[in-house]
């Protein structure tokens, strides 16, 4: 991964996390401003993802982004918003991380 790719992945993750936080805020207290900000942030994150798709390919770019966001969004939901997950939901998250890891690393490990 190039430095440029890493920075783009980090930027998209931050933008998507901000979007998720604003979306949760909107869910708790709806308002047009929060809705528009959520839409703008998700749109910005997807524009960054387009550059990552060009650089790394669709499978790698979206898989990496998905697993990073999966972990980060859950950390924010649990720590910041005080949400709780059942044991089965925790197992599901771990399995999702393993699945995306296998998808991402599969081609390299299969050589």
PDB file of N, CA and C in Angstrom:
ATOM      1  N   UNK A   1       0.854  -1.176   0.000  1.00  0.00           N
ATOM      2  CA  UNK A   1       0.000   0.000   0.000  1.00  0.00           C
ATOM      3  C   UNK A   1       0.896   1.234   0.000  1.00  0.00           C
ATOM      4  N   UNK A   2       0.568   2.153  -0.848  1.00  0.00           N
ATOM      5  CA  UNK A   2       1.337   3.395  -0.925  1.00  0.00           C
ATOM      6  C   UNK A   2       0.930   4.343   0.193  1.00  0.00           C
ATOM      7  N   UNK A   3       1.763   5.320   0.452  1.00  0.00           N
ATOM      8  CA  UNK A   3       1.440   6.336   1.458  1.00  0.00           C
ATOM      9  C   UNK A   3       0.168   7.072   1.053  1.00  0.00           C
ATOM     10  N   UNK A   4       0.060   7.397  -0.216  1.00  0.00           N
ATOM     11  CA  UNK A   4      -1.127   8.085  -0.721  1.00  0.00           C
ATOM     12  C   UNK A   4      -2.387   7.245  -0.486  1.00  0.00           C
ATOM     13  N   UNK A   5      -2.299   5.962  -0.774  1.00  0.00           N
ATOM     14  CA  UNK A   5      -3.441   5.076  -0.565  1.00  0.00           C
ATOM     15  C   UNK A   5      -3.816   4.968   0.896  1.00  0.00           C
ATOM     16  N   UNK A   6      -2.794   4.866   1.753  1.00  0.00           N
ATOM     17  CA  UNK A   6      -3.041   4.801   3.190  1.00  0.00           C
ATOM     18  C   UNK A   6      -3.733   6.063   3.682  1.00  0.00           C
ATOM     19  N   UNK A   7      -3.262   7.210   3.246  1.00  0.00           N
ATOM     20  CA  UNK A   7      -3.858   8.484   3.667  1.00  0.00           C
ATOM     21  C   UNK A   7      -5.295   8.622   3.163  1.00  0.00           C
ATOM     22  N   UNK A   8      -5.541   8.161   1.932  1.00  0.00           N
ATOM     23  CA  UNK A   8      -6.906   8.204   1.401  1.00  0.00           C
ATOM     24  C   UNK A   8      -7.827   7.272   2.187  1.00  0.00           C
ATOM     25  N   UNK A   9      -7.326   6.079   2.535  1.00  0.00           N
ATOM     26  CA  UNK A   9      -8.115   5.143   3.328  1.00  0.00           C
ATOM     27  C   UNK A   9      -8.412   5.732   4.702  1.00  0.00           C
ATOM     28  N   UNK A  10      -7.419   6.362   5.309  1.00  0.00           N
ATOM     29  CA  UNK A  10      -7.624   7.007   6.613  1.00  0.00           C
ATOM     30  C   UNK A  10      -8.635   8.142   6.498  1.00  0.00           C
ATOM     31  N   UNK A  11      -8.520   8.943   5.449  1.00  0.00           N
ATOM     32  CA  UNK A  11      -9.457  10.063   5.260  1.00  0.00           C
ATOM     33  C   UNK A  11     -10.876   9.560   5.057  1.00  0.00           C
ATOM     34  N   UNK A  12     -11.041   8.532   4.238  1.00  0.00           N
ATOM     35  CA  UNK A  12     -12.400   8.017   4.006  1.00  0.00           C
ATOM     36  C   UNK A  12     -12.980   7.445   5.291  1.00  0.00           C
ATOM     37  N   UNK A  13     -12.144   6.775   6.069  1.00  0.00           N
ATOM     38  CA  UNK A  13     -12.616   6.206   7.337  1.00  0.00           C
ATOM     39  C   UNK A  13     -13.071   7.305   8.280  1.00  0.00           C
ATOM     40  N   UNK A  14     -12.287   8.354   8.400  1.00  0.00           N
ATOM     41  CA  UNK A  14     -12.656   9.470   9.281  1.00  0.00           C
ATOM     42  C   UNK A  14     -13.951  10.118   8.813  1.00  0.00           C
ATOM     43  N   UNK A  15     -14.076  10.339   7.509  1.00  0.00           N
ATOM     44  CA  UNK A  15     -15.293  10.965   6.975  1.00  0.00           C
ATOM     45  C   UNK A  15     -16.502  10.066   7.220  1.00  0.00           C
ATOM     46  N   UNK A  16     -16.361   8.749   6.973  1.00  0.00           N
ATOM     47  CA  UNK A  16     -17.476   7.828   7.203  1.00  0.00           C
ATOM     48  C   UNK A  16     -17.834   7.733   8.685  1.00  0.00           C
ATOM     49  N   UNK A  17     -16.843   7.794   9.567  1.00  0.00           N
ATOM     50  CA  UNK A  17     -17.128   7.764  11.005  1.00  0.00           C
ATOM     51  C   UNK A  17     -17.862   9.028  11.444  1.00  0.00           C
ATOM     52  N   UNK A  18     -17.429  10.170  10.927  1.00  0.00           N
ATOM     53  CA  UNK A  18     -18.156  11.410  11.227  1.00  0.00           C
ATOM     54  C   UNK A  18     -19.591  11.326  10.719  1.00  0.00           C
ATOM     55  N   UNK A  19     -19.757  10.777   9.522  1.00  0.00           N
ATOM     56  CA  UNK A  19     -21.101  10.624   8.959  1.00  0.00           C
ATOM     57  C   UNK A  19     -21.962   9.723   9.840  1.00  0.00           C
ATOM     58  N   UNK A  20     -21.382   8.630  10.320  1.00  0.00           N
ATOM     59  CA  UNK A  20     -22.129   7.713  11.185  1.00  0.00           C
ATOM     60  C   UNK A  20     -22.513   8.385  12.498  1.00  0.00           C
ATOM     61  N   UNK A  21     -21.613   9.187  13.045  1.00  0.00           N
ATOM     62  CA  UNK A  21     -21.918   9.882  14.296  1.00  0.00           C
ATOM     63  C   UNK A  21     -23.015  10.921  14.102  1.00  0.00           C
ATOM     64  N   UNK A  22     -22.971  11.650  13.000  1.00  0.00           N
ATOM     65  CA  UNK A  22     -24.019  12.637  12.724  1.00  0.00           C
ATOM     66  C   UNK A  22     -25.342  11.921  12.463  1.00  0.00           C
ATOM     67  N   UNK A  23     -25.289  10.771  11.781  1.00  0.00           N
ATOM     68  CA  UNK A  23     -26.515  10.003  11.537  1.00  0.00           C
ATOM     69  C   UNK A  23     -27.134   9.535  12.846  1.00  0.00           C
ATOM     70  N   UNK A  24     -26.303   9.078  13.786  1.00  0.00           N
ATOM     71  CA  UNK A  24     -26.815   8.661  15.096  1.00  0.00           C
ATOM     72  C   UNK A  24     -27.396   9.861  15.830  1.00  0.00           C
ATOM     73  N   UNK A  25     -26.722  10.991  15.735  1.00  0.00           N
ATOM     74  CA  UNK A  25     -27.224  12.215  16.350  1.00  0.00           C
ATOM     75  C   UNK A  25     -28.573  12.604  15.747  1.00  0.00           C
ATOM     76  N   UNK A  26     -28.682  12.460  14.423  1.00  0.00           N
ATOM     77  CA  UNK A  26     -29.963  12.751  13.759  1.00  0.00           C
ATOM     78  C   UNK A  26     -31.044  11.794  14.239  1.00  0.00           C
ATOM     79  N   UNK A  27     -30.689  10.519  14.428  1.00  0.00           N
ATOM     80  CA  UNK A  27     -31.667   9.530  14.885  1.00  0.00           C
ATOM     81  C   UNK A  27     -32.192   9.872  16.282  1.00  0.00           C
ATOM     82  N   UNK A  28     -31.329  10.451  17.118  1.00  0.00           N
ATOM     83  CA  UNK A  28     -31.736  10.819  18.477  1.00  0.00           C
ATOM     84  C   UNK A  28     -32.534  12.116  18.510  1.00  0.00           C
ATOM     85  N   UNK A  29     -32.206  13.045  17.610  1.00  0.00           N
ATOM     86  CA  UNK A  29     -32.897  14.338  17.548  1.00  0.00           C
ATOM     87  C   UNK A  29     -32.896  14.809  16.095  1.00  0.00           C
ATOM     88  N   UNK A  30     -33.891  14.362  15.312  1.00  0.00           N
ATOM     89  CA  UNK A  30     -33.907  14.690  13.877  1.00  0.00           C
ATOM     90  C   UNK A  30     -33.936  16.192  13.605  1.00  0.00           C
ATOM     91  N   UNK A  31     -33.278  16.562  12.515  1.00  0.00           N
ATOM     92  CA  UNK A  31     -33.266  17.939  12.054  1.00  0.00           C
ATOM     93  C   UNK A  31     -32.723  17.978  10.639  1.00  0.00           C
ATOM     94  N   UNK A  32     -33.167  18.943   9.869  1.00  0.00           N
ATOM     95  CA  UNK A  32     -32.758  19.032   8.473  1.00  0.00           C
ATOM     96  C   UNK A  32     -31.256  19.262   8.334  1.00  0.00           C
ATOM     97  N   UNK A  33     -30.667  20.079   9.190  1.00  0.00           N
ATOM     98  CA  UNK A  33     -29.234  20.342   9.127  1.00  0.00           C
ATOM     99  C   UNK A  33     -28.410  19.073   9.326  1.00  0.00           C
ATOM    100  N   UNK A  34     -28.793  18.263  10.310  1.00  0.00           N
ATOM    101  CA  UNK A  34     -28.084  17.007  10.562  1.00  0.00           C
ATOM    102  C   UNK A  34     -28.241  16.048   9.381  1.00  0.00           C
ATOM    103  N   UNK A  35     -29.423  16.027   8.806  1.00  0.00           N
ATOM    104  CA  UNK A  35     -29.664  15.157   7.657  1.00  0.00           C
ATOM    105  C   UNK A  35     -28.791  15.573   6.471  1.00  0.00           C
ATOM    106  N   UNK A  36     -28.737  16.865   6.189  1.00  0.00           N
ATOM    107  CA  UNK A  36     -27.926  17.357   5.076  1.00  0.00           C
ATOM    108  C   UNK A  36     -26.442  17.132   5.321  1.00  0.00           C
ATOM    109  N   UNK A  37     -25.994  17.324   6.563  1.00  0.00           N
ATOM    110  CA  UNK A  37     -24.597  17.077   6.896  1.00  0.00           C
ATOM    111  C   UNK A  37     -24.256  15.590   6.748  1.00  0.00           C
ATOM    112  N   UNK A  38     -25.153  14.728   7.189  1.00  0.00           N
ATOM    113  CA  UNK A  38     -24.954  13.284   7.031  1.00  0.00           C
ATOM    114  C   UNK A  38     -24.803  12.913   5.560  1.00  0.00           C
ATOM    115  N   UNK A  39     -25.702  13.425   4.730  1.00  0.00           N
ATOM    116  CA  UNK A  39     -25.640  13.135   3.295  1.00  0.00           C
ATOM    117  C   UNK A  39     -24.355  13.668   2.665  1.00  0.00           C
ATOM    118  N   UNK A  40     -23.942  14.863   3.062  1.00  0.00           N
ATOM    119  CA  UNK A  40     -22.718  15.448   2.519  1.00  0.00           C
ATOM    120  C   UNK A  40     -21.491  14.634   2.935  1.00  0.00           C
ATOM    121  N   UNK A  41     -21.441  14.201   4.195  1.00  0.00           N
ATOM    122  CA  UNK A  41     -20.300  13.418   4.660  1.00  0.00           C
ATOM    123  C   UNK A  41     -20.233  12.059   3.963  1.00  0.00           C
ATOM    124  N   UNK A  42     -21.365  11.367   3.850  1.00  0.00           N
ATOM    125  CA  UNK A  42     -21.351  10.079   3.154  1.00  0.00           C
ATOM    126  C   UNK A  42     -20.966  10.252   1.688  1.00  0.00           C
ATOM    127  N   UNK A  43     -21.429  11.316   1.065  1.00  0.00           N
ATOM    128  CA  UNK A  43     -21.057  11.585  -0.336  1.00  0.00           C
ATOM    129  C   UNK A  43     -19.556  11.841  -0.449  1.00  0.00           C
ATOM    130  N   UNK A  44     -19.007  12.626   0.470  1.00  0.00           N
ATOM    131  CA  UNK A  44     -17.571  12.891   0.466  1.00  0.00           C
ATOM    132  C   UNK A  44     -16.753  11.619   0.670  1.00  0.00           C
ATOM    133  N   UNK A  45     -17.186  10.785   1.587  1.00  0.00           N
ATOM    134  CA  UNK A  45     -16.498   9.517   1.817  1.00  0.00           C
ATOM    135  C   UNK A  45     -16.508   8.632   0.583  1.00  0.00           C
ATOM    136  N   UNK A  46     -17.635   8.606  -0.107  1.00  0.00           N
ATOM    137  CA  UNK A  46     -17.723   7.792  -1.320  1.00  0.00           C
ATOM    138  C   UNK A  46     -16.873   8.361  -2.451  1.00  0.00           C
ATOM    139  N   UNK A  47     -16.730   9.665  -2.526  1.00  0.00           N
ATOM    140  CA  UNK A  47     -15.846  10.252  -3.534  1.00  0.00           C
ATOM    141  C   UNK A  47     -14.391   9.855  -3.280  1.00  0.00           C
ATOM    142  N   UNK A  48     -13.997   9.814  -2.007  1.00  0.00           N
ATOM    143  CA  UNK A  48     -12.650   9.353  -1.675  1.00  0.00           C
ATOM    144  C   UNK A  48     -12.503   7.871  -2.036  1.00  0.00           C
ATOM    145  N   UNK A  49     -13.553   7.095  -1.776  1.00  0.00           N
ATOM    146  CA  UNK A  49     -13.511   5.663  -2.103  1.00  0.00           C
ATOM    147  C   UNK A  49     -13.321   5.433  -3.605  1.00  0.00           C
ATOM    148  N   UNK A  50     -13.866   6.305  -4.427  1.00  0.00           N
ATOM    149  CA  UNK A  50     -13.685   6.153  -5.870  1.00  0.00           C
ATOM    150  C   UNK A  50     -12.204   6.201  -6.241  1.00  0.00           C
ATOM    151  N   UNK A  51     -11.472   7.074  -5.589  1.00  0.00           N
ATOM    152  CA  UNK A  51     -10.022   7.151  -5.842  1.00  0.00           C
ATOM    153  C   UNK A  51      -9.331   5.872  -5.370  1.00  0.00           C
ATOM    154  N   UNK A  52      -9.775   5.337  -4.229  1.00  0.00           N
ATOM    155  CA  UNK A  52      -9.185   4.097  -3.727  1.00  0.00           C
ATOM    156  C   UNK A  52      -9.486   2.921  -4.653  1.00  0.00           C
ATOM    157  N   UNK A  53     -10.679   2.887  -5.200  1.00  0.00           N
ATOM    158  CA  UNK A  53     -11.047   1.819  -6.139  1.00  0.00           C
ATOM    159  C   UNK A  53     -10.127   1.873  -7.355  1.00  0.00           C
ATOM    160  N   UNK A  54      -9.845   3.067  -7.825  1.00  0.00           N
ATOM    161  CA  UNK A  54      -8.947   3.218  -8.973  1.00  0.00           C
ATOM    162  C   UNK A  54      -7.541   2.714  -8.625  1.00  0.00           C
ATOM    163  N   UNK A  55      -7.083   3.002  -7.422  1.00  0.00           N
ATOM    164  CA  UNK A  55      -5.713   2.652  -7.047  1.00  0.00           C
ATOM    165  C   UNK A  55      -5.542   1.178  -6.671  1.00  0.00           C
ATOM    166  N   UNK A  56      -6.518   0.616  -5.917  1.00  0.00           N
ATOM    167  CA  UNK A  56      -6.364  -0.736  -5.377  1.00  0.00           C
ATOM    168  C   UNK A  56      -7.290  -1.767  -5.996  1.00  0.00           C
ATOM    169  N   UNK A  57      -8.286  -1.334  -6.743  1.00  0.00           N
ATOM    170  CA  UNK A  57      -9.304  -2.248  -7.237  1.00  0.00           C
ATOM    171  C   UNK A  57     -10.486  -2.268  -6.292  1.00  0.00           C
ATOM    172  N   UNK A  58     -11.618  -2.650  -6.814  1.00  0.00           N
ATOM    173  CA  UNK A  58     -12.856  -2.595  -6.045  1.00  0.00           C
ATOM    174  C   UNK A  58     -12.835  -3.550  -4.847  1.00  0.00           C
ATOM    175  N   UNK A  59     -12.428  -4.803  -5.063  1.00  0.00           N
ATOM    176  CA  UNK A  59     -12.471  -5.795  -3.985  1.00  0.00           C
ATOM    177  C   UNK A  59     -11.603  -5.372  -2.803  1.00  0.00           C
ATOM    178  N   UNK A  60     -10.375  -4.992  -3.079  1.00  0.00           N
ATOM    179  CA  UNK A  60      -9.467  -4.617  -1.989  1.00  0.00           C
ATOM    180  C   UNK A  60      -9.900  -3.336  -1.300  1.00  0.00           C
ATOM    181  N   UNK A  61     -10.254  -2.321  -2.082  1.00  0.00           N
ATOM    182  CA  UNK A  61     -10.605  -1.024  -1.495  1.00  0.00           C
ATOM    183  C   UNK A  61     -11.830  -1.142  -0.586  1.00  0.00           C
ATOM    184  N   UNK A  62     -12.888  -1.781  -1.076  1.00  0.00           N
ATOM    185  CA  UNK A  62     -14.108  -1.865  -0.277  1.00  0.00           C
ATOM    186  C   UNK A  62     -13.958  -2.837   0.886  1.00  0.00           C
ATOM    187  N   UNK A  63     -13.182  -3.900   0.700  1.00  0.00           N
ATOM    188  CA  UNK A  63     -12.974  -4.844   1.797  1.00  0.00           C
ATOM    189  C   UNK A  63     -12.199  -4.199   2.935  1.00  0.00           C
ATOM    190  N   UNK A  64     -11.106  -3.523   2.596  1.00  0.00           N
ATOM    191  CA  UNK A  64     -10.325  -2.832   3.637  1.00  0.00           C
ATOM    192  C   UNK A  64     -11.169  -1.784   4.352  1.00  0.00           C
ATOM    193  N   UNK A  65     -11.884  -0.988   3.570  1.00  0.00           N
ATOM    194  CA  UNK A  65     -12.723   0.047   4.157  1.00  0.00           C
ATOM    195  C   UNK A  65     -13.793  -0.560   5.058  1.00  0.00           C
ATOM    196  N   UNK A  66     -14.381  -1.653   4.608  1.00  0.00           N
ATOM    197  CA  UNK A  66     -15.463  -2.281   5.382  1.00  0.00           C
ATOM    198  C   UNK A  66     -14.985  -2.783   6.737  1.00  0.00           C
ATOM    199  N   UNK A  67     -13.852  -3.459   6.766  1.00  0.00           N
ATOM    200  CA  UNK A  67     -13.398  -4.009   8.040  1.00  0.00           C
ATOM    201  C   UNK A  67     -12.946  -2.899   8.982  1.00  0.00           C
ATOM    202  N   UNK A  68     -12.286  -1.880   8.457  1.00  0.00           N
ATOM    203  CA  UNK A  68     -11.864  -0.762   9.309  1.00  0.00           C
ATOM    204  C   UNK A  68     -13.082  -0.040   9.870  1.00  0.00           C
ATOM    205  N   UNK A  69     -14.069   0.216   9.013  1.00  0.00           N
ATOM    206  CA  UNK A  69     -15.280   0.893   9.480  1.00  0.00           C
ATOM    207  C   UNK A  69     -16.065   0.025  10.454  1.00  0.00           C
ATOM    208  N   UNK A  70     -16.121  -1.286  10.204  1.00  0.00           N
ATOM    209  CA  UNK A  70     -16.843  -2.190  11.094  1.00  0.00           C
ATOM    210  C   UNK A  70     -16.307  -2.087  12.516  1.00  0.00           C
ATOM    211  N   UNK A  71     -14.996  -2.127  12.638  1.00  0.00           N
ATOM    212  CA  UNK A  71     -14.379  -2.038  13.964  1.00  0.00           C
ATOM    213  C   UNK A  71     -14.583  -0.642  14.554  1.00  0.00           C
ATOM    214  N   UNK A  72     -14.274   0.376  13.776  1.00  0.00           N
ATOM    215  CA  UNK A  72     -14.329   1.746  14.300  1.00  0.00           C
ATOM    216  C   UNK A  72     -15.746   2.172  14.670  1.00  0.00           C
ATOM    217  N   UNK A  73     -16.714   1.848  13.834  1.00  0.00           N
ATOM    218  CA  UNK A  73     -18.101   2.230  14.129  1.00  0.00           C
ATOM    219  C   UNK A  73     -18.587   1.537  15.395  1.00  0.00           C
ATOM    220  N   UNK A  74     -18.212   0.281  15.574  1.00  0.00           N
ATOM    221  CA  UNK A  74     -18.635  -0.422  16.788  1.00  0.00           C
ATOM    222  C   UNK A  74     -17.968   0.144  18.023  1.00  0.00           C
ATOM    223  N   UNK A  75     -16.712   0.520  17.926  1.00  0.00           N
ATOM    224  CA  UNK A  75     -16.033   1.150  19.068  1.00  0.00           C
ATOM    225  C   UNK A  75     -16.757   2.445  19.440  1.00  0.00           C
ATOM    226  N   UNK A  76     -17.092   3.251  18.446  1.00  0.00           N
ATOM    227  CA  UNK A  76     -17.797   4.511  18.715  1.00  0.00           C
ATOM    228  C   UNK A  76     -19.190   4.247  19.282  1.00  0.00           C
ATOM    229  N   UNK A  77     -19.912   3.299  18.686  1.00  0.00           N
ATOM    230  CA  UNK A  77     -21.268   3.008  19.164  1.00  0.00           C
ATOM    231  C   UNK A  77     -21.255   2.527  20.612  1.00  0.00           C
ATOM    232  N   UNK A  78     -20.292   1.685  20.935  1.00  0.00           N
ATOM    233  CA  UNK A  78     -20.226   1.137  22.294  1.00  0.00           C
ATOM    234  C   UNK A  78     -19.666   2.141  23.295  1.00  0.00           C
ATOM    235  N   UNK A  79     -18.587   2.820  22.934  1.00  0.00           N
ATOM    236  CA  UNK A  79     -17.907   3.717  23.876  1.00  0.00           C
ATOM    237  C   UNK A  79     -18.558   5.091  23.964  1.00  0.00           C
ATOM    238  N   UNK A  80     -18.903   5.661  22.841  1.00  0.00           N
ATOM    239  CA  UNK A  80     -19.399   7.036  22.805  1.00  0.00           C
ATOM    240  C   UNK A  80     -20.903   7.106  23.074  1.00  0.00           C
ATOM    241  N   UNK A  81     -21.654   6.217  22.395  1.00  0.00           N
ATOM    242  CA  UNK A  81     -23.112   6.276  22.502  1.00  0.00           C
ATOM    243  C   UNK A  81     -23.681   5.291  23.518  1.00  0.00           C
ATOM    244  N   UNK A  82     -22.839   4.499  24.147  1.00  0.00           N
ATOM    245  CA  UNK A  82     -23.280   3.596  25.205  1.00  0.00           C
ATOM    246  C   UNK A  82     -24.172   2.462  24.738  1.00  0.00           C
ATOM    247  N   UNK A  83     -24.053   2.076  23.481  1.00  0.00           N
ATOM    248  CA  UNK A  83     -24.857   0.964  22.988  1.00  0.00           C
ATOM    249  C   UNK A  83     -24.302  -0.349  23.531  1.00  0.00           C
ATOM    250  N   UNK A  84     -25.130  -1.375  23.526  1.00  0.00           N
ATOM    251  CA  UNK A  84     -24.732  -2.689  24.031  1.00  0.00           C
ATOM    252  C   UNK A  84     -25.049  -3.736  22.983  1.00  0.00           C
ATOM    253  N   UNK A  85     -24.184  -4.744  22.898  1.00  0.00           N
ATOM    254  CA  UNK A  85     -24.395  -5.849  21.979  1.00  0.00           C
ATOM    255  C   UNK A  85     -24.501  -7.144  22.766  1.00  0.00           C
ATOM    256  N   UNK A  86     -25.274  -8.068  22.233  1.00  0.00           N
ATOM    257  CA  UNK A  86     -25.357  -9.390  22.854  1.00  0.00           C
ATOM    258  C   UNK A  86     -24.112 -10.192  22.485  1.00  0.00           C
ATOM    259  N   UNK A  87     -23.925 -11.305  23.145  1.00  0.00           N
ATOM    260  CA  UNK A  87     -22.794 -12.178  22.842  1.00  0.00           C
ATOM    261  C   UNK A  87     -22.851 -12.628  21.384  1.00  0.00           C
ATOM    262  N   UNK A  88     -24.027 -12.952  20.911  1.00  0.00           N
ATOM    263  CA  UNK A  88     -24.180 -13.397  19.529  1.00  0.00           C
ATOM    264  C   UNK A  88     -23.796 -12.286  18.546  1.00  0.00           C
ATOM    265  N   UNK A  89     -24.141 -11.054  18.868  1.00  0.00           N
ATOM    266  CA  UNK A  89     -23.755  -9.935  18.009  1.00  0.00           C
ATOM    267  C   UNK A  89     -22.240  -9.726  18.017  1.00  0.00           C
ATOM    268  N   UNK A  90     -21.608  -9.891  19.171  1.00  0.00           N
ATOM    269  CA  UNK A  90     -20.143  -9.799  19.244  1.00  0.00           C
ATOM    270  C   UNK A  90     -19.496 -10.879  18.373  1.00  0.00           C
ATOM    271  N   UNK A  91     -20.027 -12.092  18.457  1.00  0.00           N
ATOM    272  CA  UNK A  91     -19.506 -13.187  17.631  1.00  0.00           C
ATOM    273  C   UNK A  91     -19.676 -12.855  16.154  1.00  0.00           C
ATOM    274  N   UNK A  92     -20.827 -12.287  15.786  1.00  0.00           N
ATOM    275  CA  UNK A  92     -21.074 -11.900  14.400  1.00  0.00           C
ATOM    276  C   UNK A  92     -20.075 -10.871  13.904  1.00  0.00           C
ATOM    277  N   UNK A  93     -19.738  -9.910  14.736  1.00  0.00           N
ATOM    278  CA  UNK A  93     -18.756  -8.888  14.359  1.00  0.00           C
ATOM    279  C   UNK A  93     -17.383  -9.516  14.154  1.00  0.00           C
ATOM    280  N   UNK A  94     -16.991 -10.395  15.062  1.00  0.00           N
ATOM    281  CA  UNK A  94     -15.699 -11.075  14.916  1.00  0.00           C
ATOM    282  C   UNK A  94     -15.681 -11.903  13.629  1.00  0.00           C
ATOM    283  N   UNK A  95     -16.755 -12.628  13.350  1.00  0.00           N
ATOM    284  CA  UNK A  95     -16.811 -13.426  12.124  1.00  0.00           C
ATOM    285  C   UNK A  95     -16.778 -12.541  10.879  1.00  0.00           C
ATOM    286  N   UNK A  96     -17.418 -11.382  10.942  1.00  0.00           N
ATOM    287  CA  UNK A  96     -17.389 -10.458   9.804  1.00  0.00           C
ATOM    288  C   UNK A  96     -15.970  -9.944   9.560  1.00  0.00           C
ATOM    289  N   UNK A  97     -15.261  -9.648  10.632  1.00  0.00           N
ATOM    290  CA  UNK A  97     -13.870  -9.189  10.500  1.00  0.00           C
ATOM    291  C   UNK A  97     -13.016 -10.292   9.887  1.00  0.00           C
ATOM    292  N   UNK A  98     -13.199 -11.522  10.367  1.00  0.00           N
ATOM    293  CA  UNK A  98     -12.437 -12.649   9.810  1.00  0.00           C
ATOM    294  C   UNK A  98     -12.790 -12.838   8.336  1.00  0.00           C
ATOM    295  N   UNK A  99     -14.065 -12.742   7.998  1.00  0.00           N
ATOM    296  CA  UNK A  99     -14.488 -12.922   6.606  1.00  0.00           C
ATOM    297  C   UNK A  99     -13.869 -11.874   5.686  1.00  0.00           C
ATOM    298  N   UNK A 100     -13.929 -10.628   6.091  1.00  0.00           N
ATOM    299  CA  UNK A 100     -13.352  -9.568   5.255  1.00  0.00           C
ATOM    300  C   UNK A 100     -11.835  -9.727   5.180  1.00  0.00           C
ATOM    301  N   UNK A 101     -11.216 -10.134   6.268  1.00  0.00           N
ATOM    302  CA  UNK A 101      -9.781 -10.392   6.248  1.00  0.00           C
ATOM    303  C   UNK A 101      -9.422 -11.485   5.264  1.00  0.00           C
ATOM    304  N   UNK A 102     -10.198 -12.562   5.249  1.00  0.00           N
ATOM    305  CA  UNK A 102      -9.949 -13.648   4.302  1.00  0.00           C
ATOM    306  C   UNK A 102     -10.145 -13.205   2.864  1.00  0.00           C
ATOM    307  N   UNK A 103     -11.171 -12.390   2.632  1.00  0.00           N
ATOM    308  CA  UNK A 103     -11.410 -11.870   1.288  1.00  0.00           C
ATOM    309  C   UNK A 103     -10.250 -10.999   0.843  1.00  0.00           C
ATOM    310  N   UNK A 104      -9.791 -10.150   1.745  1.00  0.00           N
ATOM    311  CA  UNK A 104      -8.721  -9.210   1.413  1.00  0.00           C
ATOM    312  C   UNK A 104      -7.382  -9.927   1.236  1.00  0.00           C
ATOM    313  N   UNK A 105      -7.075 -10.845   2.136  1.00  0.00           N
ATOM    314  CA  UNK A 105      -5.781 -11.511   2.100  1.00  0.00           C
ATOM    315  C   UNK A 105      -5.784 -12.761   1.227  1.00  0.00           C
ATOM    316  N   UNK A 106      -6.945 -13.248   0.863  1.00  0.00           N
ATOM    317  CA  UNK A 106      -7.071 -14.484   0.098  1.00  0.00           C
ATOM    318  C   UNK A 106      -6.175 -14.594  -1.113  1.00  0.00           C
ATOM    319  N   UNK A 107      -6.196 -13.598  -1.993  1.00  0.00           N
ATOM    320  CA  UNK A 107      -5.339 -13.705  -3.182  1.00  0.00           C
ATOM    321  C   UNK A 107      -3.855 -13.800  -2.845  1.00  0.00           C
ATOM    322  N   UNK A 108      -3.407 -13.065  -1.845  1.00  0.00           N
ATOM    323  CA  UNK A 108      -1.998 -13.083  -1.479  1.00  0.00           C
ATOM    324  C   UNK A 108      -1.619 -14.419  -0.816  1.00  0.00           C
ATOM    325  N   UNK A 109      -2.518 -14.955  -0.007  1.00  0.00           N
ATOM    326  CA  UNK A 109      -2.216 -16.209   0.690  1.00  0.00           C
ATOM    327  C   UNK A 109      -2.331 -17.413  -0.230  1.00  0.00           C
ATOM    328  N   UNK A 110      -3.143 -17.279  -1.296  1.00  0.00           N
ATOM    329  CA  UNK A 110      -3.358 -18.393  -2.199  1.00  0.00           C
ATOM    330  C   UNK A 110      -2.242 -18.594  -3.205  1.00  0.00           C
ATOM    331  N   UNK A 111      -1.286 -17.701  -3.279  1.00  0.00           N
ATOM    332  CA  UNK A 111      -0.189 -17.809  -4.263  1.00  0.00           C
ATOM    333  C   UNK A 111       0.843 -18.810  -3.854  1.00  0.00           C
TER     334      UNK A 111
END
